[in-house]
Amino acid sequence: MSTGAPSASRAALVVIDMQTIFGRPPSPWASPGFDAAAAGVRRLLPAFAGRTVWTRYVAPTDPQGAWREYFAQWPFALVRDDDPLYDLADGLDPDGAPVVTATTFGKWGPLLAAATGHADELVVAGVSTDCCVLSTVLPAADAGRRVRVVADACAGASAADHERALAAMRLYAPLVDVTTVDEVLGAA
């Protein structure tokens, strides 16, 4: 899996959208692998103290363009960004770390780039592997950041969707490396 990496002390952990909306039924967006991904995130956090950035997805206040049709299919998610549905899941506390909130699936952009600073690489965990993780990882790699996706600290809409997204990201090697919690912690 892993092809080697710079020292983890120069890496930033990016935790993508570990929120109630993706973690708990009755939300139709709940990932069946959320709890396992959360356990992986919790294992990673101590190794990245002071070098962790969290992201949150929230619905746009006034959806435009194709988002109108999207939210016509998912009206339950059209709530204010301070609704408990968009809270980070129980037991996942940013503990003062930056939190980048966006109305887009992909979180890579000026805010996340600034929050991760000059990290040599991004170690990415979270949900959903086949949506927000994939949509963040590919633009970050395009921007020249080395990205390590921690497969067992991510979860997809289904196990099959998770595996398909990991397979797609593996196609971007060496810009993107799919790894495990144990491999990341072994390099720390």
N, C-alpha and C. Protein backbone atom coordinates (compact mmCIF):
# COMPACT_ATOMS: atom_id res chain seq x y z
N MET A 1 0.82 -1.19 0.00
CA MET A 1 0.00 0.00 0.00
C MET A 1 0.86 1.25 0.00
N SER A 2 1.46 1.57 1.12
CA SER A 2 2.22 2.81 1.23
C SER A 2 3.53 2.69 0.47
N THR A 3 3.93 3.81 -0.12
CA THR A 3 5.16 3.83 -0.90
C THR A 3 6.23 4.66 -0.22
N GLY A 4 6.10 4.87 1.08
CA GLY A 4 7.05 5.70 1.79
C GLY A 4 6.53 7.11 1.86
N ALA A 5 7.03 7.88 2.82
CA ALA A 5 6.49 9.22 3.01
C ALA A 5 7.47 10.09 3.74
N PRO A 6 7.31 11.39 3.59
CA PRO A 6 8.08 12.29 4.43
C PRO A 6 7.70 12.07 5.89
N SER A 7 8.47 12.56 6.78
CA SER A 7 8.18 12.43 8.20
C SER A 7 6.78 12.92 8.51
N ALA A 8 6.04 12.16 9.30
CA ALA A 8 4.69 12.56 9.68
C ALA A 8 4.70 13.87 10.44
N SER A 9 5.83 14.28 11.01
CA SER A 9 5.88 15.54 11.74
C SER A 9 5.68 16.73 10.81
N ARG A 10 5.82 16.53 9.51
CA ARG A 10 5.62 17.61 8.54
C ARG A 10 4.30 17.44 7.79
N ALA A 11 3.50 16.49 8.21
CA ALA A 11 2.21 16.23 7.57
C ALA A 11 1.09 16.85 8.39
N ALA A 12 0.00 17.15 7.71
CA ALA A 12 -1.21 17.62 8.38
C ALA A 12 -2.30 16.57 8.21
N LEU A 13 -3.03 16.30 9.26
CA LEU A 13 -4.17 15.41 9.21
C LEU A 13 -5.39 16.23 8.84
N VAL A 14 -6.10 15.83 7.79
CA VAL A 14 -7.33 16.49 7.38
C VAL A 14 -8.47 15.49 7.60
N VAL A 15 -9.37 15.84 8.49
CA VAL A 15 -10.50 14.97 8.84
C VAL A 15 -11.73 15.53 8.13
N ILE A 16 -12.20 14.78 7.15
CA ILE A 16 -13.28 15.22 6.28
C ILE A 16 -14.66 14.83 6.83
N ASP A 17 -15.45 15.82 7.17
CA ASP A 17 -16.90 15.71 7.36
C ASP A 17 -17.37 14.60 8.29
N MET A 18 -16.70 14.40 9.40
CA MET A 18 -17.13 13.39 10.37
C MET A 18 -18.28 13.99 11.20
N GLN A 19 -19.44 14.08 10.58
CA GLN A 19 -20.59 14.79 11.12
C GLN A 19 -21.77 13.85 11.35
N THR A 20 -22.67 14.31 12.20
CA THR A 20 -23.87 13.55 12.53
C THR A 20 -24.63 13.12 11.28
N ILE A 21 -24.75 14.00 10.30
CA ILE A 21 -25.51 13.72 9.08
C ILE A 21 -24.98 12.50 8.33
N PHE A 22 -23.69 12.21 8.48
CA PHE A 22 -23.07 11.08 7.79
C PHE A 22 -22.89 9.87 8.71
N GLY A 23 -23.15 10.07 10.00
CA GLY A 23 -22.84 9.02 10.95
C GLY A 23 -24.00 8.29 11.57
N ARG A 24 -25.19 8.87 11.50
CA ARG A 24 -26.27 8.25 12.24
C ARG A 24 -27.56 8.17 11.45
N PRO A 25 -28.15 6.98 11.37
CA PRO A 25 -29.53 6.91 10.88
C PRO A 25 -30.40 7.69 11.87
N PRO A 26 -31.47 8.28 11.47
CA PRO A 26 -32.19 8.02 10.24
C PRO A 26 -31.71 8.82 9.03
N SER A 27 -30.59 9.53 9.14
CA SER A 27 -30.11 10.28 7.99
C SER A 27 -29.89 9.34 6.80
N PRO A 28 -30.46 9.66 5.65
CA PRO A 28 -30.23 8.81 4.47
C PRO A 28 -28.78 8.88 3.98
N TRP A 29 -28.01 9.81 4.49
CA TRP A 29 -26.60 9.92 4.12
C TRP A 29 -25.68 9.19 5.09
N ALA A 30 -26.22 8.51 6.07
CA ALA A 30 -25.39 7.82 7.06
C ALA A 30 -24.57 6.71 6.39
N SER A 31 -23.30 6.70 6.70
CA SER A 31 -22.39 5.69 6.15
C SER A 31 -22.35 4.49 7.09
N PRO A 32 -22.53 3.28 6.55
CA PRO A 32 -22.50 2.09 7.41
C PRO A 32 -21.12 1.85 8.04
N GLY A 33 -20.08 2.41 7.49
CA GLY A 33 -18.74 2.23 8.06
C GLY A 33 -18.27 3.39 8.91
N PHE A 34 -19.19 4.29 9.25
CA PHE A 34 -18.82 5.51 9.97
C PHE A 34 -18.10 5.22 11.29
N ASP A 35 -18.64 4.32 12.09
CA ASP A 35 -18.04 4.06 13.41
C ASP A 35 -16.61 3.53 13.29
N ALA A 36 -16.36 2.67 12.33
CA ALA A 36 -15.00 2.16 12.12
C ALA A 36 -14.07 3.28 11.66
N ALA A 37 -14.56 4.15 10.78
CA ALA A 37 -13.75 5.29 10.34
C ALA A 37 -13.46 6.22 11.52
N ALA A 38 -14.46 6.46 12.37
CA ALA A 38 -14.26 7.31 13.54
C ALA A 38 -13.21 6.72 14.48
N ALA A 39 -13.22 5.41 14.64
CA ALA A 39 -12.20 4.76 15.47
C ALA A 39 -10.81 4.97 14.88
N GLY A 40 -10.69 4.90 13.56
CA GLY A 40 -9.41 5.16 12.91
C GLY A 40 -8.97 6.60 13.10
N VAL A 41 -9.90 7.53 12.98
CA VAL A 41 -9.58 8.95 13.20
C VAL A 41 -9.09 9.15 14.63
N ARG A 42 -9.79 8.57 15.59
CA ARG A 42 -9.37 8.72 17.00
C ARG A 42 -7.95 8.19 17.22
N ARG A 43 -7.59 7.12 16.54
CA ARG A 43 -6.23 6.58 16.67
C ARG A 43 -5.20 7.54 16.08
N LEU A 44 -5.56 8.24 15.01
CA LEU A 44 -4.63 9.15 14.34
C LEU A 44 -4.41 10.46 15.09
N LEU A 45 -5.43 10.95 15.76
CA LEU A 45 -5.39 12.29 16.34
C LEU A 45 -4.17 12.57 17.23
N PRO A 46 -3.80 11.68 18.16
CA PRO A 46 -2.65 12.01 19.02
C PRO A 46 -1.35 12.24 18.23
N ALA A 47 -1.16 11.54 17.14
CA ALA A 47 0.07 11.67 16.35
C ALA A 47 0.10 12.99 15.57
N PHE A 48 -1.05 13.64 15.45
CA PHE A 48 -1.13 14.89 14.68
C PHE A 48 -1.58 16.06 15.55
N ALA A 49 -1.28 16.01 16.83
CA ALA A 49 -1.64 17.10 17.73
C ALA A 49 -1.04 18.40 17.20
N GLY A 50 -1.88 19.41 17.08
CA GLY A 50 -1.43 20.71 16.58
C GLY A 50 -1.30 20.76 15.06
N ARG A 51 -1.58 19.64 14.39
CA ARG A 51 -1.46 19.59 12.92
C ARG A 51 -2.68 18.94 12.30
N THR A 52 -3.83 19.18 12.91
CA THR A 52 -5.08 18.60 12.42
C THR A 52 -6.02 19.70 11.97
N VAL A 53 -6.70 19.47 10.85
CA VAL A 53 -7.74 20.37 10.35
C VAL A 53 -8.98 19.52 10.11
N TRP A 54 -10.11 20.01 10.55
CA TRP A 54 -11.39 19.35 10.37
C TRP A 54 -12.17 20.08 9.29
N THR A 55 -13.03 19.37 8.57
CA THR A 55 -13.94 20.03 7.64
C THR A 55 -15.37 19.66 7.98
N ARG A 56 -16.27 20.53 7.54
CA ARG A 56 -17.71 20.30 7.70
C ARG A 56 -18.40 20.65 6.39
N TYR A 57 -19.30 19.78 5.97
CA TYR A 57 -20.19 20.10 4.86
C TYR A 57 -21.46 20.70 5.44
N VAL A 58 -21.95 21.76 4.82
CA VAL A 58 -23.25 22.32 5.16
C VAL A 58 -23.98 22.64 3.85
N ALA A 59 -25.29 22.61 3.89
CA ALA A 59 -26.08 22.95 2.71
C ALA A 59 -26.01 24.45 2.45
N PRO A 60 -26.06 24.84 1.19
CA PRO A 60 -26.12 26.26 0.90
C PRO A 60 -27.45 26.85 1.37
N THR A 61 -27.43 28.10 1.77
CA THR A 61 -28.65 28.77 2.21
C THR A 61 -29.67 28.84 1.08
N ASP A 62 -29.19 29.15 -0.11
CA ASP A 62 -30.05 29.28 -1.28
C ASP A 62 -29.40 28.52 -2.43
N PRO A 63 -29.71 27.23 -2.56
CA PRO A 63 -29.06 26.43 -3.61
C PRO A 63 -29.25 27.04 -4.99
N GLN A 64 -28.18 27.01 -5.77
CA GLN A 64 -28.19 27.56 -7.13
C GLN A 64 -27.83 26.48 -8.13
N GLY A 65 -28.20 26.70 -9.37
CA GLY A 65 -27.81 25.79 -10.44
C GLY A 65 -28.23 24.36 -10.16
N ALA A 66 -27.32 23.42 -10.43
CA ALA A 66 -27.62 22.00 -10.25
C ALA A 66 -27.90 21.64 -8.81
N TRP A 67 -27.45 22.47 -7.86
CA TRP A 67 -27.73 22.20 -6.44
C TRP A 67 -29.24 22.25 -6.15
N ARG A 68 -30.00 23.03 -6.92
CA ARG A 68 -31.46 23.06 -6.70
C ARG A 68 -32.06 21.67 -6.90
N GLU A 69 -31.71 21.04 -8.01
CA GLU A 69 -32.22 19.70 -8.30
C GLU A 69 -31.72 18.70 -7.25
N TYR A 70 -30.46 18.84 -6.86
CA TYR A 70 -29.88 17.95 -5.86
C TYR A 70 -30.69 18.01 -4.56
N PHE A 71 -30.94 19.23 -4.08
CA PHE A 71 -31.65 19.36 -2.80
C PHE A 71 -33.15 19.10 -2.93
N ALA A 72 -33.66 19.10 -4.15
CA ALA A 72 -35.05 18.64 -4.34
C ALA A 72 -35.12 17.15 -4.01
N GLN A 73 -34.01 16.41 -4.23
CA GLN A 73 -33.96 14.99 -3.91
C GLN A 73 -33.62 14.75 -2.44
N TRP A 74 -32.96 15.71 -1.80
CA TRP A 74 -32.49 15.54 -0.41
C TRP A 74 -32.94 16.72 0.46
N PRO A 75 -34.23 17.01 0.55
CA PRO A 75 -34.68 18.19 1.29
C PRO A 75 -34.38 18.13 2.79
N PHE A 76 -34.21 16.94 3.34
CA PHE A 76 -33.91 16.82 4.78
C PHE A 76 -32.64 17.58 5.15
N ALA A 77 -31.73 17.74 4.19
CA ALA A 77 -30.43 18.36 4.48
C ALA A 77 -30.45 19.88 4.35
N LEU A 78 -31.55 20.44 3.90
CA LEU A 78 -31.65 21.90 3.76
C LEU A 78 -32.02 22.53 5.09
N VAL A 79 -31.05 22.50 5.98
CA VAL A 79 -31.21 23.12 7.30
C VAL A 79 -30.06 24.10 7.50
N ARG A 80 -30.20 24.96 8.49
CA ARG A 80 -29.15 25.96 8.77
C ARG A 80 -27.85 25.26 9.13
N ASP A 81 -26.74 25.94 8.90
CA ASP A 81 -25.44 25.31 9.16
C ASP A 81 -25.18 25.08 10.64
N ASP A 82 -25.97 25.68 11.52
CA ASP A 82 -25.80 25.42 12.95
C ASP A 82 -26.78 24.36 13.47
N ASP A 83 -27.50 23.72 12.56
CA ASP A 83 -28.40 22.63 12.94
C ASP A 83 -27.55 21.46 13.47
N PRO A 84 -28.02 20.75 14.50
CA PRO A 84 -27.26 19.61 15.03
C PRO A 84 -26.92 18.54 13.99
N LEU A 85 -27.67 18.46 12.91
CA LEU A 85 -27.39 17.52 11.84
C LEU A 85 -25.98 17.73 11.28
N TYR A 86 -25.51 18.98 11.30
CA TYR A 86 -24.20 19.31 10.74
C TYR A 86 -23.09 19.39 11.80
N ASP A 87 -23.41 19.04 13.05
CA ASP A 87 -22.38 19.00 14.09
C ASP A 87 -21.38 17.88 13.81
N LEU A 88 -20.16 18.06 14.29
CA LEU A 88 -19.23 16.94 14.30
C LEU A 88 -19.81 15.86 15.19
N ALA A 89 -19.60 14.63 14.83
CA ALA A 89 -20.21 13.50 15.54
C ALA A 89 -19.71 13.45 16.99
N ASP A 90 -20.55 12.88 17.83
CA ASP A 90 -20.20 12.71 19.24
C ASP A 90 -18.85 12.02 19.38
N GLY A 91 -18.05 12.53 20.29
CA GLY A 91 -16.75 11.92 20.55
C GLY A 91 -15.65 12.39 19.62
N LEU A 92 -15.99 13.25 18.67
CA LEU A 92 -14.99 13.81 17.76
C LEU A 92 -14.95 15.32 17.98
N ASP A 93 -13.98 15.74 18.75
CA ASP A 93 -13.86 17.14 19.16
C ASP A 93 -12.64 17.75 18.50
N PRO A 94 -12.82 18.87 17.79
CA PRO A 94 -11.65 19.48 17.15
C PRO A 94 -10.64 20.05 18.14
N ASP A 95 -11.03 20.22 19.41
CA ASP A 95 -10.09 20.62 20.47
C ASP A 95 -9.24 21.82 20.04
N GLY A 96 -9.90 22.83 19.49
CA GLY A 96 -9.21 24.05 19.11
C GLY A 96 -8.58 24.04 17.73
N ALA A 97 -8.61 22.90 17.06
CA ALA A 97 -8.05 22.81 15.70
C ALA A 97 -8.95 23.58 14.74
N PRO A 98 -8.39 24.05 13.63
CA PRO A 98 -9.22 24.76 12.65
C PRO A 98 -10.30 23.85 12.07
N VAL A 99 -11.45 24.45 11.79
CA VAL A 99 -12.55 23.76 11.15
C VAL A 99 -12.93 24.56 9.90
N VAL A 100 -12.81 23.94 8.74
CA VAL A 100 -13.16 24.56 7.47
C VAL A 100 -14.55 24.08 7.09
N THR A 101 -15.48 25.02 6.95
CA THR A 101 -16.85 24.71 6.61
C THR A 101 -17.11 25.16 5.18
N ALA A 102 -17.74 24.30 4.37
CA ALA A 102 -18.00 24.63 2.97
C ALA A 102 -19.32 24.03 2.52
N THR A 103 -19.91 24.65 1.51
CA THR A 103 -21.16 24.18 0.93
C THR A 103 -20.89 23.33 -0.31
N THR A 104 -19.68 22.83 -0.43
CA THR A 104 -19.29 21.99 -1.55
C THR A 104 -18.79 20.66 -1.01
N PHE A 105 -18.91 19.61 -1.84
CA PHE A 105 -18.41 18.31 -1.43
C PHE A 105 -16.89 18.37 -1.27
N GLY A 106 -16.22 18.89 -2.25
CA GLY A 106 -14.76 19.03 -2.18
C GLY A 106 -14.41 20.20 -1.27
N LYS A 107 -13.47 19.98 -0.38
CA LYS A 107 -13.09 21.03 0.56
C LYS A 107 -11.78 21.71 0.18
N TRP A 108 -11.07 21.16 -0.83
CA TRP A 108 -9.79 21.77 -1.19
C TRP A 108 -10.05 23.13 -1.83
N GLY A 109 -9.35 24.12 -1.36
CA GLY A 109 -9.44 25.48 -1.85
C GLY A 109 -8.60 26.37 -0.95
N PRO A 110 -8.70 27.67 -1.09
CA PRO A 110 -7.86 28.58 -0.31
C PRO A 110 -7.96 28.40 1.20
N LEU A 111 -9.17 28.14 1.72
CA LEU A 111 -9.30 28.00 3.18
C LEU A 111 -8.59 26.76 3.72
N LEU A 112 -8.77 25.62 3.06
CA LEU A 112 -8.11 24.40 3.52
C LEU A 112 -6.61 24.47 3.25
N ALA A 113 -6.22 25.06 2.14
CA ALA A 113 -4.79 25.22 1.86
C ALA A 113 -4.13 26.05 2.94
N ALA A 114 -4.78 27.14 3.34
CA ALA A 114 -4.22 27.99 4.39
C ALA A 114 -4.20 27.28 5.74
N ALA A 115 -5.27 26.54 6.03
CA ALA A 115 -5.36 25.85 7.33
C ALA A 115 -4.30 24.76 7.47
N THR A 116 -3.91 24.15 6.35
CA THR A 116 -2.88 23.10 6.41
C THR A 116 -1.48 23.67 6.26
N GLY A 117 -1.38 24.94 5.98
CA GLY A 117 -0.08 25.62 5.95
C GLY A 117 0.88 25.02 4.96
N HIS A 118 2.10 24.84 5.41
CA HIS A 118 3.18 24.35 4.54
C HIS A 118 3.47 22.86 4.75
N ALA A 119 2.44 22.13 5.14
CA ALA A 119 2.63 20.69 5.35
C ALA A 119 3.14 20.03 4.07
N ASP A 120 4.14 19.16 4.21
CA ASP A 120 4.66 18.42 3.06
C ASP A 120 3.62 17.51 2.45
N GLU A 121 2.74 17.00 3.29
CA GLU A 121 1.70 16.10 2.81
C GLU A 121 0.45 16.26 3.64
N LEU A 122 -0.65 15.80 3.05
CA LEU A 122 -1.93 15.75 3.74
C LEU A 122 -2.27 14.29 3.99
N VAL A 123 -2.58 13.97 5.21
CA VAL A 123 -3.07 12.65 5.58
C VAL A 123 -4.57 12.82 5.74
N VAL A 124 -5.35 12.14 4.91
CA VAL A 124 -6.79 12.39 4.83
C VAL A 124 -7.57 11.20 5.36
N ALA A 125 -8.56 11.52 6.19
CA ALA A 125 -9.47 10.53 6.75
C ALA A 125 -10.87 11.14 6.73
N GLY A 126 -11.89 10.31 6.80
CA GLY A 126 -13.24 10.84 6.92
C GLY A 126 -14.25 10.18 6.01
N VAL A 127 -15.33 10.91 5.78
CA VAL A 127 -16.45 10.42 4.97
C VAL A 127 -16.87 11.48 3.97
N SER A 128 -17.48 11.10 3.03
CA SER A 128 -17.66 9.79 2.47
C SER A 128 -16.56 9.58 1.44
N THR A 129 -15.93 8.43 1.50
CA THR A 129 -14.79 8.15 0.61
C THR A 129 -15.16 8.44 -0.84
N ASP A 130 -16.37 8.07 -1.24
CA ASP A 130 -16.81 8.18 -2.62
C ASP A 130 -17.42 9.53 -2.96
N CYS A 131 -17.37 10.47 -2.05
CA CYS A 131 -17.92 11.81 -2.32
C CYS A 131 -16.95 12.88 -1.82
N CYS A 132 -17.10 13.29 -0.58
CA CYS A 132 -16.33 14.42 -0.07
C CYS A 132 -14.83 14.13 0.04
N VAL A 133 -14.45 12.91 0.39
CA VAL A 133 -13.02 12.59 0.45
C VAL A 133 -12.43 12.64 -0.96
N LEU A 134 -13.01 11.92 -1.87
CA LEU A 134 -12.54 11.90 -3.26
C LEU A 134 -12.51 13.32 -3.86
N SER A 135 -13.56 14.09 -3.60
CA SER A 135 -13.67 15.44 -4.15
C SER A 135 -12.68 16.42 -3.52
N THR A 136 -12.12 16.08 -2.39
CA THR A 136 -11.10 16.90 -1.75
C THR A 136 -9.70 16.46 -2.16
N VAL A 137 -9.49 15.16 -2.20
CA VAL A 137 -8.16 14.59 -2.47
C VAL A 137 -7.66 14.95 -3.87
N LEU A 138 -8.48 14.78 -4.89
CA LEU A 138 -8.00 14.99 -6.25
C LEU A 138 -7.58 16.43 -6.53
N PRO A 139 -8.36 17.45 -6.12
CA PRO A 139 -7.88 18.82 -6.34
C PRO A 139 -6.65 19.16 -5.49
N ALA A 140 -6.53 18.59 -4.30
CA ALA A 140 -5.33 18.84 -3.49
C ALA A 140 -4.11 18.26 -4.19
N ALA A 141 -4.24 17.07 -4.75
CA ALA A 141 -3.13 16.48 -5.49
C ALA A 141 -2.81 17.31 -6.73
N ASP A 142 -3.84 17.77 -7.43
CA ASP A 142 -3.62 18.63 -8.59
C ASP A 142 -2.88 19.92 -8.21
N ALA A 143 -3.10 20.38 -6.99
CA ALA A 143 -2.44 21.59 -6.52
C ALA A 143 -1.00 21.33 -6.08
N GLY A 144 -0.57 20.07 -6.14
CA GLY A 144 0.81 19.75 -5.81
C GLY A 144 1.04 19.22 -4.41
N ARG A 145 -0.04 19.01 -3.65
CA ARG A 145 0.13 18.43 -2.32
C ARG A 145 0.20 16.92 -2.45
N ARG A 146 1.13 16.31 -1.73
CA ARG A 146 1.17 14.85 -1.64
C ARG A 146 0.06 14.46 -0.67
N VAL A 147 -0.73 13.47 -1.05
CA VAL A 147 -1.89 13.09 -0.25
C VAL A 147 -1.82 11.61 0.09
N ARG A 148 -2.04 11.30 1.37
CA ARG A 148 -2.16 9.92 1.83
C ARG A 148 -3.59 9.74 2.34
N VAL A 149 -4.33 8.85 1.71
CA VAL A 149 -5.70 8.55 2.11
C VAL A 149 -5.65 7.33 3.02
N VAL A 150 -6.17 7.48 4.23
CA VAL A 150 -6.12 6.41 5.22
C VAL A 150 -7.39 5.57 5.07
N ALA A 151 -7.27 4.48 4.35
CA ALA A 151 -8.42 3.67 3.95
C ALA A 151 -9.27 3.22 5.14
N ASP A 152 -8.63 2.80 6.22
CA ASP A 152 -9.40 2.29 7.36
C ASP A 152 -9.82 3.39 8.34
N ALA A 153 -9.61 4.64 7.96
CA ALA A 153 -10.14 5.79 8.71
C ALA A 153 -11.08 6.58 7.80
N CYS A 154 -11.56 5.92 6.75
CA CYS A 154 -12.55 6.50 5.83
C CYS A 154 -13.71 5.52 5.71
N ALA A 155 -14.84 6.03 5.28
CA ALA A 155 -16.01 5.17 5.03
C ALA A 155 -16.81 5.77 3.88
N GLY A 156 -17.40 4.89 3.10
CA GLY A 156 -18.19 5.31 1.96
C GLY A 156 -19.67 5.13 2.19
N ALA A 157 -20.45 5.48 1.18
CA ALA A 157 -21.90 5.29 1.24
C ALA A 157 -22.23 3.81 1.40
N SER A 158 -21.33 2.96 0.91
CA SER A 158 -21.43 1.51 1.10
C SER A 158 -20.00 0.98 1.05
N ALA A 159 -19.82 -0.26 1.44
CA ALA A 159 -18.47 -0.86 1.37
C ALA A 159 -17.98 -0.90 -0.07
N ALA A 160 -18.87 -1.22 -1.01
CA ALA A 160 -18.48 -1.27 -2.42
C ALA A 160 -18.10 0.11 -2.94
N ASP A 161 -18.87 1.13 -2.57
CA ASP A 161 -18.54 2.50 -3.00
C ASP A 161 -17.21 2.96 -2.42
N HIS A 162 -16.96 2.60 -1.17
CA HIS A 162 -15.68 2.91 -0.52
C HIS A 162 -14.52 2.31 -1.32
N GLU A 163 -14.64 1.03 -1.65
CA GLU A 163 -13.57 0.35 -2.39
C GLU A 163 -13.38 0.92 -3.79
N ARG A 164 -14.48 1.27 -4.46
CA ARG A 164 -14.36 1.87 -5.81
C ARG A 164 -13.65 3.22 -5.74
N ALA A 165 -13.97 4.01 -4.74
CA ALA A 165 -13.32 5.32 -4.59
C ALA A 165 -11.83 5.16 -4.29
N LEU A 166 -11.48 4.22 -3.41
CA LEU A 166 -10.06 3.97 -3.13
C LEU A 166 -9.34 3.52 -4.40
N ALA A 167 -9.98 2.66 -5.19
CA ALA A 167 -9.37 2.20 -6.44
C ALA A 167 -9.15 3.38 -7.39
N ALA A 168 -10.10 4.27 -7.48
CA ALA A 168 -9.94 5.45 -8.34
C ALA A 168 -8.78 6.32 -7.87
N MET A 169 -8.68 6.53 -6.55
CA MET A 169 -7.59 7.37 -6.03
C MET A 169 -6.23 6.72 -6.21
N ARG A 170 -6.17 5.38 -6.15
CA ARG A 170 -4.90 4.69 -6.39
C ARG A 170 -4.36 4.96 -7.79
N LEU A 171 -5.23 5.28 -8.73
CA LEU A 171 -4.80 5.59 -10.10
C LEU A 171 -3.95 6.86 -10.15
N TYR A 172 -3.99 7.67 -9.11
CA TYR A 172 -3.27 8.94 -9.09
C TYR A 172 -1.89 8.85 -8.42
N ALA A 173 -1.45 7.64 -8.12
CA ALA A 173 -0.12 7.46 -7.54
C ALA A 173 0.93 8.00 -8.52
N PRO A 174 1.97 8.61 -8.05
CA PRO A 174 2.40 8.77 -6.67
C PRO A 174 1.86 10.03 -5.99
N LEU A 175 1.00 10.80 -6.67
CA LEU A 175 0.44 11.99 -6.02
C LEU A 175 -0.46 11.61 -4.85
N VAL A 176 -1.18 10.50 -5.00
CA VAL A 176 -2.08 10.01 -3.97
C VAL A 176 -1.65 8.60 -3.59
N ASP A 177 -1.52 8.37 -2.31
CA ASP A 177 -1.15 7.06 -1.77
C ASP A 177 -2.27 6.60 -0.85
N VAL A 178 -2.76 5.40 -1.02
CA VAL A 178 -3.76 4.82 -0.13
C VAL A 178 -3.00 3.99 0.90
N THR A 179 -3.28 4.24 2.16
CA THR A 179 -2.51 3.66 3.25
C THR A 179 -3.45 3.21 4.36
N THR A 180 -2.90 2.85 5.50
CA THR A 180 -3.68 2.41 6.66
C THR A 180 -3.26 3.22 7.89
N VAL A 181 -4.09 3.14 8.91
CA VAL A 181 -3.76 3.81 10.19
C VAL A 181 -2.43 3.27 10.70
N ASP A 182 -2.25 1.94 10.71
CA ASP A 182 -1.01 1.36 11.23
C ASP A 182 0.21 1.88 10.46
N GLU A 183 0.10 1.97 9.13
CA GLU A 183 1.24 2.46 8.34
C GLU A 183 1.53 3.93 8.66
N VAL A 184 0.51 4.74 8.81
CA VAL A 184 0.72 6.15 9.15
C VAL A 184 1.36 6.27 10.52
N LEU A 185 0.85 5.54 11.49
CA LEU A 185 1.38 5.64 12.85
C LEU A 185 2.79 5.06 12.94
N GLY A 186 3.10 4.10 12.10
CA GLY A 186 4.45 3.55 12.06
C GLY A 186 5.47 4.54 11.55
N ALA A 187 5.01 5.49 10.70
CA ALA A 187 5.90 6.52 10.16
C ALA A 187 5.98 7.73 11.08
N ALA A 188 5.08 7.81 12.06
CA ALA A 188 5.03 8.99 12.94
C ALA A 188 6.19 9.02 13.90
